[in-house]
PDB file of all heavy atoms in Angstrom:
ATOM      1  N   GLN A   1     -21.734  23.495  -9.551  1.00  0.00           N
ATOM      2  CA  GLN A   1     -20.976  24.322  -8.619  1.00  0.00           C
ATOM      3  C   GLN A   1     -21.013  23.667  -7.255  1.00  0.00           C
ATOM      4  O   GLN A   1     -22.069  23.224  -6.795  1.00  0.00           O
ATOM      5  CB  GLN A   1     -21.537  25.737  -8.543  1.00  0.00           C
ATOM      6  CG  GLN A   1     -20.629  26.669  -7.757  1.00  0.00           C
ATOM      7  CD  GLN A   1     -21.128  28.076  -7.789  1.00  0.00           C
ATOM      8  OE1 GLN A   1     -22.189  28.369  -7.258  1.00  0.00           O
ATOM      9  NE2 GLN A   1     -20.382  28.962  -8.419  1.00  0.00           N
ATOM     10  N   CYS A   2     -19.859  23.579  -6.640  1.00  0.00           N
ATOM     11  CA  CYS A   2     -19.734  22.974  -5.316  1.00  0.00           C
ATOM     12  C   CYS A   2     -19.245  24.025  -4.339  1.00  0.00           C
ATOM     13  O   CYS A   2     -18.814  25.100  -4.735  1.00  0.00           O
ATOM     14  CB  CYS A   2     -18.724  21.823  -5.349  1.00  0.00           C
ATOM     15  SG  CYS A   2     -19.157  20.494  -6.476  1.00  0.00           S
ATOM     16  N   VAL A   3     -19.289  23.697  -3.076  1.00  0.00           N
ATOM     17  CA  VAL A   3     -18.643  24.500  -2.042  1.00  0.00           C
ATOM     18  C   VAL A   3     -17.561  23.599  -1.461  1.00  0.00           C
ATOM     19  O   VAL A   3     -17.784  22.407  -1.245  1.00  0.00           O
ATOM     20  CB  VAL A   3     -19.655  24.991  -0.979  1.00  0.00           C
ATOM     21  CG1 VAL A   3     -20.298  23.841  -0.235  1.00  0.00           C
ATOM     22  CG2 VAL A   3     -19.008  25.962  -0.025  1.00  0.00           C
ATOM     23  N   ASP A   4     -16.365  24.138  -1.266  1.00  0.00           N
ATOM     24  CA  ASP A   4     -15.279  23.304  -0.760  1.00  0.00           C
ATOM     25  C   ASP A   4     -15.197  23.401   0.755  1.00  0.00           C
ATOM     26  O   ASP A   4     -15.682  24.346   1.364  1.00  0.00           O
ATOM     27  CB  ASP A   4     -13.944  23.680  -1.402  1.00  0.00           C
ATOM     28  CG  ASP A   4     -13.013  22.479  -1.543  1.00  0.00           C
ATOM     29  OD1 ASP A   4     -13.340  21.399  -0.988  1.00  0.00           O
ATOM     30  OD2 ASP A   4     -11.974  22.605  -2.198  1.00  0.00           O
ATOM     31  N   THR A   5     -14.572  22.402   1.350  1.00  0.00           N
ATOM     32  CA  THR A   5     -14.380  22.358   2.797  1.00  0.00           C
ATOM     33  C   THR A   5     -12.975  22.844   3.140  1.00  0.00           C
ATOM     34  O   THR A   5     -12.120  23.016   2.264  1.00  0.00           O
ATOM     35  CB  THR A   5     -14.534  20.914   3.311  1.00  0.00           C
ATOM     36  OG1 THR A   5     -13.494  20.116   2.736  1.00  0.00           O
ATOM     37  CG2 THR A   5     -15.892  20.354   2.949  1.00  0.00           C
ATOM     38  N   LEU A   6     -12.717  23.044   4.418  1.00  0.00           N
ATOM     39  CA  LEU A   6     -11.369  23.443   4.849  1.00  0.00           C
ATOM     40  C   LEU A   6     -10.332  22.398   4.473  1.00  0.00           C
ATOM     41  O   LEU A   6      -9.174  22.722   4.210  1.00  0.00           O
ATOM     42  CB  LEU A   6     -11.345  23.671   6.368  1.00  0.00           C
ATOM     43  CG  LEU A   6     -12.141  24.865   6.874  1.00  0.00           C
ATOM     44  CD1 LEU A   6     -12.101  24.918   8.404  1.00  0.00           C
ATOM     45  CD2 LEU A   6     -11.641  26.163   6.273  1.00  0.00           C
ATOM     46  N   GLN A   7     -10.738  21.126   4.442  1.00  0.00           N
ATOM     47  CA  GLN A   7      -9.818  20.043   4.098  1.00  0.00           C
ATOM     48  C   GLN A   7      -9.651  19.870   2.584  1.00  0.00           C
ATOM     49  O   GLN A   7      -8.810  19.105   2.137  1.00  0.00           O
ATOM     50  CB  GLN A   7     -10.296  18.722   4.715  1.00  0.00           C
ATOM     51  CG  GLN A   7     -10.381  18.748   6.237  1.00  0.00           C
ATOM     52  CD  GLN A   7      -9.035  19.066   6.880  1.00  0.00           C
ATOM     53  OE1 GLN A   7      -7.999  18.552   6.460  1.00  0.00           O
ATOM     54  NE2 GLN A   7      -9.051  19.922   7.894  1.00  0.00           N
ATOM     55  N   GLY A   8     -10.451  20.548   1.783  1.00  0.00           N
ATOM     56  CA  GLY A   8     -10.305  20.513   0.334  1.00  0.00           C
ATOM     57  C   GLY A   8     -10.845  19.261  -0.327  1.00  0.00           C
ATOM     58  O   GLY A   8     -10.253  18.750  -1.276  1.00  0.00           O
ATOM     59  N   ALA A   9     -11.992  18.768   0.133  1.00  0.00           N
ATOM     60  CA  ALA A   9     -12.564  17.538  -0.427  1.00  0.00           C
ATOM     61  C   ALA A   9     -12.838  17.664  -1.919  1.00  0.00           C
ATOM     62  O   ALA A   9     -12.516  16.762  -2.704  1.00  0.00           O
ATOM     63  CB  ALA A   9     -13.855  17.180   0.319  1.00  0.00           C
ATOM     64  N   VAL A  10     -13.424  18.770  -2.343  1.00  0.00           N
ATOM     65  CA  VAL A  10     -13.744  18.971  -3.756  1.00  0.00           C
ATOM     66  C   VAL A  10     -12.461  19.167  -4.564  1.00  0.00           C
ATOM     67  O   VAL A  10     -12.269  18.548  -5.612  1.00  0.00           O
ATOM     68  CB  VAL A  10     -14.702  20.168  -3.945  1.00  0.00           C
ATOM     69  CG1 VAL A  10     -14.940  20.455  -5.419  1.00  0.00           C
ATOM     70  CG2 VAL A  10     -16.029  19.903  -3.243  1.00  0.00           C
ATOM     71  N   SER A  11     -11.578  20.009  -4.076  1.00  0.00           N
ATOM     72  CA  SER A  11     -10.319  20.265  -4.783  1.00  0.00           C
ATOM     73  C   SER A  11      -9.494  19.000  -4.948  1.00  0.00           C
ATOM     74  O   SER A  11      -8.888  18.779  -6.003  1.00  0.00           O
ATOM     75  CB  SER A  11      -9.504  21.329  -4.048  1.00  0.00           C
ATOM     76  OG  SER A  11     -10.187  22.571  -4.065  1.00  0.00           O
ATOM     77  N   ALA A  12      -9.472  18.146  -3.937  1.00  0.00           N
ATOM     78  CA  ALA A  12      -8.717  16.886  -4.020  1.00  0.00           C
ATOM     79  C   ALA A  12      -9.273  15.996  -5.129  1.00  0.00           C
ATOM     80  O   ALA A  12      -8.503  15.385  -5.883  1.00  0.00           O
ATOM     81  CB  ALA A  12      -8.748  16.168  -2.675  1.00  0.00           C
ATOM     82  N   MET A  13     -10.598  15.917  -5.239  1.00  0.00           N
ATOM     83  CA  MET A  13     -11.204  15.106  -6.289  1.00  0.00           C
ATOM     84  C   MET A  13     -10.868  15.669  -7.668  1.00  0.00           C
ATOM     85  O   MET A  13     -10.520  14.932  -8.585  1.00  0.00           O
ATOM     86  CB  MET A  13     -12.723  15.040  -6.105  1.00  0.00           C
ATOM     87  CG  MET A  13     -13.455  14.126  -7.077  1.00  0.00           C
ATOM     88  SD  MET A  13     -14.049  14.882  -8.623  1.00  0.00           S
ATOM     89  CE  MET A  13     -15.205  16.093  -8.052  1.00  0.00           C
ATOM     90  N   ILE A  14     -10.937  16.983  -7.807  1.00  0.00           N
ATOM     91  CA  ILE A  14     -10.636  17.618  -9.088  1.00  0.00           C
ATOM     92  C   ILE A  14      -9.191  17.317  -9.497  1.00  0.00           C
ATOM     93  O   ILE A  14      -8.927  16.882 -10.621  1.00  0.00           O
ATOM     94  CB  ILE A  14     -10.864  19.147  -9.012  1.00  0.00           C
ATOM     95  CG1 ILE A  14     -12.335  19.457  -8.787  1.00  0.00           C
ATOM     96  CG2 ILE A  14     -10.347  19.829 -10.276  1.00  0.00           C
ATOM     97  CD1 ILE A  14     -12.602  20.886  -8.352  1.00  0.00           C
ATOM     98  N   VAL A  15      -8.270  17.542  -8.592  1.00  0.00           N
ATOM     99  CA  VAL A  15      -6.853  17.317  -8.891  1.00  0.00           C
ATOM    100  C   VAL A  15      -6.606  15.860  -9.268  1.00  0.00           C
ATOM    101  O   VAL A  15      -5.931  15.566 -10.254  1.00  0.00           O
ATOM    102  CB  VAL A  15      -5.971  17.741  -7.692  1.00  0.00           C
ATOM    103  CG1 VAL A  15      -4.542  17.259  -7.860  1.00  0.00           C
ATOM    104  CG2 VAL A  15      -6.016  19.256  -7.527  1.00  0.00           C
ATOM    105  N   LYS A  16      -7.187  14.943  -8.503  1.00  0.00           N
ATOM    106  CA  LYS A  16      -6.991  13.517  -8.791  1.00  0.00           C
ATOM    107  C   LYS A  16      -7.526  13.151 -10.183  1.00  0.00           C
ATOM    108  O   LYS A  16      -6.854  12.475 -10.959  1.00  0.00           O
ATOM    109  CB  LYS A  16      -7.662  12.664  -7.718  1.00  0.00           C
ATOM    110  CG  LYS A  16      -7.451  11.177  -7.921  1.00  0.00           C
ATOM    111  CD  LYS A  16      -7.990  10.375  -6.758  1.00  0.00           C
ATOM    112  CE  LYS A  16      -7.746   8.914  -7.018  1.00  0.00           C
ATOM    113  NZ  LYS A  16      -7.011   8.267  -5.989  1.00  0.00           N
ATOM    114  N   CYS A  17      -8.742  13.595 -10.488  1.00  0.00           N
ATOM    115  CA  CYS A  17      -9.337  13.270 -11.789  1.00  0.00           C
ATOM    116  C   CYS A  17      -8.527  13.847 -12.944  1.00  0.00           C
ATOM    117  O   CYS A  17      -8.298  13.174 -13.946  1.00  0.00           O
ATOM    118  CB  CYS A  17     -10.777  13.760 -11.859  1.00  0.00           C
ATOM    119  SG  CYS A  17     -11.915  12.792 -10.848  1.00  0.00           S
ATOM    120  N   VAL A  18      -8.086  15.078 -12.810  1.00  0.00           N
ATOM    121  CA  VAL A  18      -7.353  15.725 -13.896  1.00  0.00           C
ATOM    122  C   VAL A  18      -5.962  15.123 -14.047  1.00  0.00           C
ATOM    123  O   VAL A  18      -5.542  14.762 -15.150  1.00  0.00           O
ATOM    124  CB  VAL A  18      -7.276  17.254 -13.680  1.00  0.00           C
ATOM    125  CG1 VAL A  18      -6.341  17.909 -14.684  1.00  0.00           C
ATOM    126  CG2 VAL A  18      -8.676  17.866 -13.768  1.00  0.00           C
ATOM    127  N   GLN A  19      -5.234  14.978 -12.933  1.00  0.00           N
ATOM    128  CA  GLN A  19      -3.864  14.461 -13.030  1.00  0.00           C
ATOM    129  C   GLN A  19      -3.810  13.008 -13.475  1.00  0.00           C
ATOM    130  O   GLN A  19      -2.940  12.630 -14.246  1.00  0.00           O
ATOM    131  CB  GLN A  19      -3.141  14.612 -11.686  1.00  0.00           C
ATOM    132  CG  GLN A  19      -2.757  16.032 -11.380  1.00  0.00           C
ATOM    133  CD  GLN A  19      -2.002  16.162 -10.071  1.00  0.00           C
ATOM    134  OE1 GLN A  19      -1.972  15.246  -9.247  1.00  0.00           O
ATOM    135  NE2 GLN A  19      -1.396  17.316  -9.873  1.00  0.00           N
ATOM    136  N   GLU A  20      -4.754  12.202 -12.994  1.00  0.00           N
ATOM    137  CA  GLU A  20      -4.735  10.769 -13.303  1.00  0.00           C
ATOM    138  C   GLU A  20      -5.605  10.397 -14.496  1.00  0.00           C
ATOM    139  O   GLU A  20      -5.770   9.218 -14.789  1.00  0.00           O
ATOM    140  CB  GLU A  20      -5.168   9.975 -12.071  1.00  0.00           C
ATOM    141  CG  GLU A  20      -4.217  10.147 -10.901  1.00  0.00           C
ATOM    142  CD  GLU A  20      -4.649   9.373  -9.668  1.00  0.00           C
ATOM    143  OE1 GLU A  20      -5.575   8.526  -9.766  1.00  0.00           O
ATOM    144  OE2 GLU A  20      -4.073   9.621  -8.594  1.00  0.00           O
ATOM    145  N   ARG A  21      -6.178  11.415 -15.160  1.00  0.00           N
ATOM    146  CA  ARG A  21      -7.058  11.175 -16.302  1.00  0.00           C
ATOM    147  C   ARG A  21      -8.152  10.178 -15.946  1.00  0.00           C
ATOM    148  O   ARG A  21      -8.447   9.241 -16.671  1.00  0.00           O
ATOM    149  CB  ARG A  21      -6.242  10.693 -17.498  1.00  0.00           C
ATOM    150  CG  ARG A  21      -5.232  11.698 -17.962  1.00  0.00           C
ATOM    151  CD  ARG A  21      -4.306  11.158 -18.999  1.00  0.00           C
ATOM    152  NE  ARG A  21      -5.059  10.728 -20.174  1.00  0.00           N
ATOM    153  CZ  ARG A  21      -4.582  10.715 -21.392  1.00  0.00           C
ATOM    154  NH1 ARG A  21      -3.354  11.110 -21.624  1.00  0.00           N
ATOM    155  NH2 ARG A  21      -5.314  10.298 -22.397  1.00  0.00           N
ATOM    156  N   LYS A  22      -8.771  10.428 -14.795  1.00  0.00           N
ATOM    157  CA  LYS A  22      -9.775   9.516 -14.252  1.00  0.00           C
ATOM    158  C   LYS A  22     -11.165   9.904 -14.748  1.00  0.00           C
ATOM    159  O   LYS A  22     -11.562  11.053 -14.685  1.00  0.00           O
ATOM    160  CB  LYS A  22      -9.718   9.594 -12.723  1.00  0.00           C
ATOM    161  CG  LYS A  22     -10.592   8.616 -12.029  1.00  0.00           C
ATOM    162  CD  LYS A  22     -10.380   8.670 -10.531  1.00  0.00           C
ATOM    163  CE  LYS A  22     -11.286   7.642  -9.880  1.00  0.00           C
ATOM    164  NZ  LYS A  22     -11.112   7.588  -8.458  1.00  0.00           N
ATOM    165  N   TYR A  23     -11.907   8.927 -15.240  1.00  0.00           N
ATOM    166  CA  TYR A  23     -13.293   9.101 -15.662  1.00  0.00           C
ATOM    167  C   TYR A  23     -14.185   8.585 -14.537  1.00  0.00           C
ATOM    168  O   TYR A  23     -13.918   7.527 -13.976  1.00  0.00           O
ATOM    169  CB  TYR A  23     -13.583   8.292 -16.932  1.00  0.00           C
ATOM    170  CG  TYR A  23     -12.803   8.749 -18.137  1.00  0.00           C
ATOM    171  CD1 TYR A  23     -11.513   8.292 -18.364  1.00  0.00           C
ATOM    172  CD2 TYR A  23     -13.371   9.620 -19.063  1.00  0.00           C
ATOM    173  CE1 TYR A  23     -10.795   8.709 -19.478  1.00  0.00           C
ATOM    174  CE2 TYR A  23     -12.663  10.031 -20.176  1.00  0.00           C
ATOM    175  CZ  TYR A  23     -11.372   9.573 -20.378  1.00  0.00           C
ATOM    176  OH  TYR A  23     -10.680   9.984 -21.473  1.00  0.00           O
ATOM    177  N   ILE A  24     -15.243   9.330 -14.224  1.00  0.00           N
ATOM    178  CA  ILE A  24     -16.138   8.880 -13.168  1.00  0.00           C
ATOM    179  C   ILE A  24     -17.587   8.947 -13.641  1.00  0.00           C
ATOM    180  O   ILE A  24     -17.918   9.669 -14.580  1.00  0.00           O
ATOM    181  CB  ILE A  24     -15.967   9.681 -11.857  1.00  0.00           C
ATOM    182  CG1 ILE A  24     -16.292  11.149 -12.056  1.00  0.00           C
ATOM    183  CG2 ILE A  24     -14.570   9.520 -11.303  1.00  0.00           C
ATOM    184  CD1 ILE A  24     -16.272  11.936 -10.755  1.00  0.00           C
ATOM    185  N   ASP A  25     -18.431   8.188 -12.970  1.00  0.00           N
ATOM    186  CA  ASP A  25     -19.871   8.204 -13.239  1.00  0.00           C
ATOM    187  C   ASP A  25     -20.532   9.143 -12.231  1.00  0.00           C
ATOM    188  O   ASP A  25     -20.145   9.175 -11.054  1.00  0.00           O
ATOM    189  CB  ASP A  25     -20.468   6.810 -13.127  1.00  0.00           C
ATOM    190  CG  ASP A  25     -19.932   5.861 -14.188  1.00  0.00           C
ATOM    191  OD1 ASP A  25     -19.468   6.339 -15.246  1.00  0.00           O
ATOM    192  OD2 ASP A  25     -19.978   4.641 -13.961  1.00  0.00           O
ATOM    193  N   ILE A  26     -21.518   9.884 -12.698  1.00  0.00           N
ATOM    194  CA  ILE A  26     -22.206  10.868 -11.864  1.00  0.00           C
ATOM    195  C   ILE A  26     -23.707  10.634 -11.988  1.00  0.00           C
ATOM    196  O   ILE A  26     -24.222  10.409 -13.081  1.00  0.00           O
ATOM    197  CB  ILE A  26     -21.850  12.300 -12.296  1.00  0.00           C
ATOM    198  CG1 ILE A  26     -20.343  12.536 -12.147  1.00  0.00           C
ATOM    199  CG2 ILE A  26     -22.647  13.324 -11.513  1.00  0.00           C
ATOM    200  CD1 ILE A  26     -19.873  13.864 -12.695  1.00  0.00           C
ATOM    201  N   THR A  27     -24.404  10.681 -10.860  1.00  0.00           N
ATOM    202  CA  THR A  27     -25.855  10.539 -10.838  1.00  0.00           C
ATOM    203  C   THR A  27     -26.480  11.859 -10.400  1.00  0.00           C
ATOM    204  O   THR A  27     -26.089  12.420  -9.371  1.00  0.00           O
ATOM    205  CB  THR A  27     -26.286   9.419  -9.872  1.00  0.00           C
ATOM    206  OG1 THR A  27     -25.673   8.198 -10.278  1.00  0.00           O
ATOM    207  CG2 THR A  27     -27.795   9.247  -9.864  1.00  0.00           C
ATOM    208  N   LEU A  28     -27.439  12.330 -11.187  1.00  0.00           N
ATOM    209  CA  LEU A  28     -28.195  13.541 -10.880  1.00  0.00           C
ATOM    210  C   LEU A  28     -29.633  13.120 -10.614  1.00  0.00           C
ATOM    211  O   LEU A  28     -30.197  12.352 -11.386  1.00  0.00           O
ATOM    212  CB  LEU A  28     -28.187  14.501 -12.079  1.00  0.00           C
ATOM    213  CG  LEU A  28     -26.869  14.741 -12.792  1.00  0.00           C
ATOM    214  CD1 LEU A  28     -27.109  15.491 -14.096  1.00  0.00           C
ATOM    215  CD2 LEU A  28     -25.925  15.500 -11.904  1.00  0.00           C
ATOM    216  N   LYS A  29     -30.210  13.617  -9.522  1.00  0.00           N
ATOM    217  CA  LYS A  29     -31.600  13.241  -9.266  1.00  0.00           C
ATOM    218  C   LYS A  29     -32.318  14.277  -8.419  1.00  0.00           C
ATOM    219  O   LYS A  29     -31.707  14.967  -7.605  1.00  0.00           O
ATOM    220  CB  LYS A  29     -31.682  11.871  -8.616  1.00  0.00           C
ATOM    221  CG  LYS A  29     -31.018  11.752  -7.271  1.00  0.00           C
ATOM    222  CD  LYS A  29     -31.116  10.313  -6.757  1.00  0.00           C
ATOM    223  CE  LYS A  29     -30.479  10.169  -5.393  1.00  0.00           C
ATOM    224  NZ  LYS A  29     -30.616   8.815  -4.883  1.00  0.00           N
ATOM    225  N   ALA A  30     -33.613  14.364  -8.654  1.00  0.00           N
ATOM    226  CA  ALA A  30     -34.470  15.199  -7.825  1.00  0.00           C
ATOM    227  C   ALA A  30     -34.795  14.435  -6.548  1.00  0.00           C
ATOM    228  O   ALA A  30     -34.918  13.209  -6.566  1.00  0.00           O
ATOM    229  CB  ALA A  30     -35.753  15.546  -8.578  1.00  0.00           C
ATOM    230  N   THR A  31     -34.925  15.171  -5.446  1.00  0.00           N
ATOM    231  CA  THR A  31     -35.240  14.544  -4.155  1.00  0.00           C
ATOM    232  C   THR A  31     -36.360  15.330  -3.466  1.00  0.00           C
ATOM    233  O   THR A  31     -36.139  15.987  -2.459  1.00  0.00           O
ATOM    234  CB  THR A  31     -33.987  14.521  -3.251  1.00  0.00           C
ATOM    235  OG1 THR A  31     -33.487  15.863  -3.115  1.00  0.00           O
ATOM    236  CG2 THR A  31     -32.910  13.628  -3.806  1.00  0.00           C
ATOM    237  N   PRO A  32     -37.577  15.278  -4.007  1.00  0.00           N
ATOM    238  CA  PRO A  32     -38.658  16.085  -3.454  1.00  0.00           C
ATOM    239  C   PRO A  32     -39.031  15.698  -2.020  1.00  0.00           C
ATOM    240  O   PRO A  32     -39.210  14.521  -1.714  1.00  0.00           O
ATOM    241  CB  PRO A  32     -39.834  15.828  -4.405  1.00  0.00           C
ATOM    242  CG  PRO A  32     -39.414  14.770  -5.342  1.00  0.00           C
ATOM    243  CD  PRO A  32     -37.980  14.473  -5.149  1.00  0.00           C
ATOM    244  N   GLU A  33     -39.128  16.704  -1.183  1.00  0.00           N
ATOM    245  CA  GLU A  33     -39.500  16.495   0.222  1.00  0.00           C
ATOM    246  C   GLU A  33     -40.852  15.797   0.332  1.00  0.00           C
ATOM    247  O   GLU A  33     -41.039  14.915   1.173  1.00  0.00           O
ATOM    248  CB  GLU A  33     -39.549  17.848   0.940  1.00  0.00           C
ATOM    249  CG  GLU A  33     -39.994  17.762   2.377  1.00  0.00           C
ATOM    250  CD  GLU A  33     -40.134  19.115   3.039  1.00  0.00           C
ATOM    251  OE1 GLU A  33     -39.880  20.154   2.393  1.00  0.00           O
ATOM    252  OE2 GLU A  33     -40.519  19.134   4.227  1.00  0.00           O
ATOM    253  N   SER A  34     -41.794  16.186  -0.516  1.00  0.00           N
ATOM    254  CA  SER A  34     -43.143  15.611  -0.453  1.00  0.00           C
ATOM    255  C   SER A  34     -43.151  14.123  -0.776  1.00  0.00           C
ATOM    256  O   SER A  34     -44.127  13.433  -0.478  1.00  0.00           O
ATOM    257  CB  SER A  34     -44.086  16.357  -1.392  1.00  0.00           C
ATOM    258  OG  SER A  34     -44.259  17.681  -0.929  1.00  0.00           O
TER     259      SER A  34
END
């Protein structure tokens, strides 16, 4: 789940990926403060 900006940064990425059938790589990681 994301939060979108007034400029639609998340929505723009979604539309581009879906319309252009674009595959992307995603990295998930923990970032402990300690």
